[in-house]
Amino acid sequence: MPRLTVVSTRDYRQHVLHIEERGNGTCSVVVHPPSRLGRPRQVKPVGEGALLIDLVNQAKAEIDEVMGPKPVPRRPMLRGRAF
């Protein structure tokens, strides 16, 4: 019986996360940055038995480190008459 492989992509701060779950307890996350920021790289697990969510969170932390702090959301402008 062939093994099921699930592949998903997610956008995060101008990067694309390529998430692959192979069904036998192995998974991988590849970060595809914009072309100006370098080549794709695979996220290496920090500890043993890293879960998929741990790899995704680690990838997001690496992206946040490269991109710097997130900008503060702007307040929406009020439409209508000003008093």
Protein backbone atom coordinates (compact mmCIF):
# COMPACT_ATOMS: atom_id res chain seq x y z
CA MET A 1 0.00 0.00 0.00
CA PRO A 2 1.50 3.38 -0.95
CA ARG A 3 2.07 5.91 1.78
CA LEU A 4 0.05 9.07 1.84
CA THR A 5 1.97 12.32 1.48
CA VAL A 6 0.28 15.62 2.30
CA VAL A 7 1.79 18.78 0.87
CA SER A 8 0.64 22.24 1.84
CA THR A 9 1.88 25.76 1.22
CA ARG A 10 1.34 28.77 3.45
CA ASP A 11 2.26 32.42 2.92
CA TYR A 12 3.93 34.18 5.81
CA ARG A 13 5.44 37.68 5.59
CA GLN A 14 6.36 37.49 1.87
CA HIS A 15 7.76 33.96 2.29
CA VAL A 16 6.17 30.68 1.25
CA LEU A 17 6.29 27.72 3.64
CA HIS A 18 6.24 24.36 1.84
CA ILE A 19 4.97 21.86 4.42
CA GLU A 20 5.18 18.12 3.77
CA GLU A 21 3.78 15.36 5.99
CA ARG A 22 4.64 11.83 4.88
CA GLY A 23 2.33 9.89 7.19
CA ASN A 24 5.02 7.71 8.78
CA GLY A 25 5.98 10.23 11.44
CA THR A 26 8.35 12.23 9.24
CA CYS A 27 7.73 15.75 8.06
CA SER A 28 9.64 18.65 6.59
CA VAL A 29 9.25 22.39 6.17
CA VAL A 30 11.02 24.33 3.40
CA VAL A 31 11.09 28.13 3.48
CA HIS A 32 10.98 29.84 0.07
CA PRO A 33 11.98 33.51 0.56
CA PRO A 34 11.54 36.26 -2.02
CA SER A 35 14.30 36.13 -4.64
CA ARG A 36 16.04 39.19 -3.18
CA LEU A 37 16.48 37.42 0.18
CA GLY A 38 18.15 34.21 -0.96
CA ARG A 39 17.46 30.61 -1.85
CA PRO A 40 15.00 28.13 -0.36
CA ARG A 41 16.18 26.33 2.76
CA GLN A 42 14.91 23.41 4.80
CA VAL A 43 14.20 23.94 8.49
CA LYS A 44 16.30 21.62 10.64
CA PRO A 45 14.61 20.36 13.83
CA VAL A 46 16.16 21.67 17.05
CA GLY A 47 15.44 18.64 19.24
CA GLU A 48 14.60 15.01 18.79
CA GLY A 49 11.04 14.05 17.91
CA ALA A 50 10.14 17.49 16.61
CA LEU A 51 6.49 17.73 15.62
CA LEU A 52 5.26 19.39 12.46
CA ILE A 53 3.90 22.37 14.41
CA ASP A 54 7.32 22.80 16.04
CA LEU A 55 8.96 23.00 12.60
CA VAL A 56 6.38 25.51 11.36
CA ASN A 57 6.84 27.70 14.45
CA GLN A 58 10.62 27.47 14.08
CA ALA A 59 10.35 28.53 10.41
CA LYS A 60 8.17 31.49 11.37
CA ALA A 61 10.66 32.52 14.06
CA GLU A 62 13.50 32.41 11.51
CA ILE A 63 11.47 34.56 9.10
CA ASP A 64 10.66 37.06 11.87
CA GLU A 65 14.38 37.28 12.66
CA VAL A 66 15.22 38.07 9.02
CA MET A 67 12.33 40.46 8.39
CA GLY A 68 12.54 42.32 11.70
CA PRO A 69 9.63 43.24 13.95
CA LYS A 70 6.14 43.26 12.52
CA PRO A 71 4.81 46.74 11.75
CA VAL A 72 2.13 48.14 14.03
CA PRO A 73 -1.30 47.91 12.35
CA ARG A 74 -2.67 51.25 11.26
CA ARG A 75 -5.91 52.57 12.63
CA PRO A 76 -8.58 52.74 9.95
CA MET A 77 -9.39 56.24 8.79
CA LEU A 78 -12.86 57.44 9.68
CA ARG A 79 -14.98 58.28 6.68
CA GLY A 80 -17.59 60.98 6.74
CA ARG A 81 -17.78 64.53 7.99
CA ALA A 82 -15.18 65.80 10.43
CA PHE A 83 -16.56 67.81 13.35
